[in-house]
Structure formats: C-alpha cells, structure tokens
C-alpha cells in the first residue's frame, strides 16, 4: 500500500511539473544554442511530446483513480471480481494519455481495442453472456414455486421509474430507456439496450450497471432492514418441492416461446438464455453446456469488461450526463429493491398463514445473479441462524433476469 501511495505522489508531482513548467521546458529545449547537437535535442523533444506525461490531463488521473478503485474493490472485498478487475484494467488502458492518429485508442478506427469493442457496439457480447448464464442456471426453485416469478416482475419497477426520472432530467426518450435498464441490475442487458438506443452513453450506463451490481451487498441490506420488520424477516418457508427432469427440460422451451412472443425484441437475449439452459437440462449436450458456462463465458467476460472499461476515456466519459446517469442508477437500484420487498409483503396479505413467504426474498427480484440471493440468505441468517432462504431467493432472482430482458425488449419496441 505504501508503494502505491508513493507511486501516486510521483505521478502527481510529474503532472504538476508538466502543467506548470511543461511549456517552458519545451521552449527551452526548442531554443537550441548555435553549435549544439540540435538533432539529439529535437529527438528528446519529440520523445517527450509522445509520452503520457506530456499529454496527461486531470481527467485522465481521475479516471485512472477510478480504475484502481474498481480493482481494489474486486481484490480486497471480492465485489464481483470477475467484472470489476477487467473493467478497472480497461479504465486504465482507456486513460493512458497518447497522441491521436496512431490507431491506439478505442475510439480510433482500426485500433485493436476498436475491433474488440465491436462486440459491445453491435450487441454481440451480451447474448453470449446470456448463453453462459442459461447453462449455469438451475430454474428448479422457480418451477417449484411459480408465484415467486411475480417478485422478479415487481422489482422491474426500478426500470420504469428511472425512465421517467431520466426523461425529467432532459434525456431523449431513447437515452432515458437505455438509462432506465440500470434499474434491473443487469449489465449485459444494459449494454445490449444502450448499443441500440444510446451508443454515446454506453460507457457510463455499463459502468453504472456493473458498479451497482458489485455493490449489492452494500446497498441492499439497509433497505431490507428498513422495509421488512424483524418479525417478517424471521418467516420460515416450506422447502421447495422436487422438480422432475421432464419439467426442467420443458421449462426452457415453454419459457422461450412465451417470453419471446410477448417481447420479440428481446429474442437475442432470451433466446440464448433458454438455449443455454436447454443444453444444461437436456442431459445429452453436457460438453456444449460446459463450454458455454466456462470457457466461452470467461472469454466474453474478459473482452466485455476490458473494452467497456476502455470506453471510459476522460474526454468522452467525464461529463454532466455521466454524473446524472450514476445518480439515476443508484436511485433505480434502490427503487427496484424496495419494489420487490414491498410487493412481497403485499403478496403475503393474500396467502394462508402456513404458506406465507419471507419478504426478504423480494430483494432478489433484481437480476444480479446470484449476489442478491446470497444477500437475502445472509440477512435471513442474521435474523434466525436456522432460516435458510437461498433456494427460495433464487426463484425471484432468475425471474428477474428474464424480467429485465423482457423489459428491455419492450423498451426497444417502443423507442427504436
């Protein structure tokens, strides 16, 4: 840690010298005395002009600090490290100062980063992520208790509330729709929708979505304790019933047809999600399912995180719109969490005493899989060490994934 602080001090000193004396130093080098080796000095001057020290701006240092903070959160606190470390490293790559025109930066046509970013701009990476998620996901808890799907739908209120908030702040309907999807706490869906509706805001939207996904263990517990009384947090639910293999195989097929007929625009996401789950549950394509949930999703996650991070070049990212998006994202995530909790409490009014649900699982309606379900489990155990809610929470959690994709498809249908 001490070495890191020393490095920051050195960078700050160099930056200060460059800002205060940089032009004077270059002028002095340019005034070569007669008889001196002007070729060597001109070479030094050109070398200096190409270094990051000569081109660094305050915005670059701010974004580099943000990137290092993301990496710190991923390593120190294990907050979504598979996402935050690639994104943090991408932020560093995107904010190394350079002279434009040499096909280095992500926004320069023909650069390596711009080719890798193609998968983000054209919405290629998100469906592949959904394929891997489908191959990982066990829908048994949702199949055994279908009414819990309503909680996943209720949590999507954050999406539409944020849409209204973004519209009120002056964003266009297309931009507001892309910003609103942050409320679903679903990074791939946010990237997919913003690539269609608001490409210029994609970096800010993606960073906001993944940031709040990573901060689920920090944001959700206070809201859960505020909205759900301790007595209700202690409710014990019946164990989920056993689900047959036939039901597991039929679910992705029925889910695919039903959801895509409702929201055809979400076909790239939902189609891949249910296809991945069919590979898992069919029992005859285990090799394909294993590739989808391991090698492929790991490769795509690296490329997605790195290029999304690199898209946050200070010149493009540090704007008032970005600050508004981050504020709206935080609000939308809190509204989504509260919506799921309140609807769970409302649902209990219509259920028999022996069949009531623990309202905490409503917080898992946001589609941060499986982190929000783990938070529910943790909060349940804090209230009662014998109350295990993880399997119950997975039902609204996976339905939240489906719900956010359906909501994105609806937004796309109305706004594109």
Foldseek 3Di string as FASTA:
>chain_A
DVVVVVVVVVLVVLLVCLVPCVVVVLVVLVPDDPPDPNVVSVVVSVVCCFALSNFADPLLVVLLVVLVVLCCCCPVVVLVVLQSPLLSLLLNLLSRDGDPDPQRACPDPPHPLVVLCVCLLQLNLLLLLLLLLLLVDDQQLCLLPVVLLVLLQLLLVLLVVQLVVVVVVPDDSLVSNLLSLLLLLDLSLSSNSCSQRPVLCNLLSNVLSSVVLSCLLPQQPVLLPVQAPLVLLQDAADDGDDDDLVSQLVVLVVQLVVLCVLQVLLNSNSVSNSVLNNCNSVVPNVVVNVCSNPVRSSVSSSSVSNSSSSVCHSVSPPDVVSVVSNVSSSVSNSSSQNSLLVVLVVVQVVDDPRHRDRSQLSSLSRQSPPVSLVSSQVSSCVSPVPHGCSSNSVNSNVSNVSSSSSSSSVSSVPRD
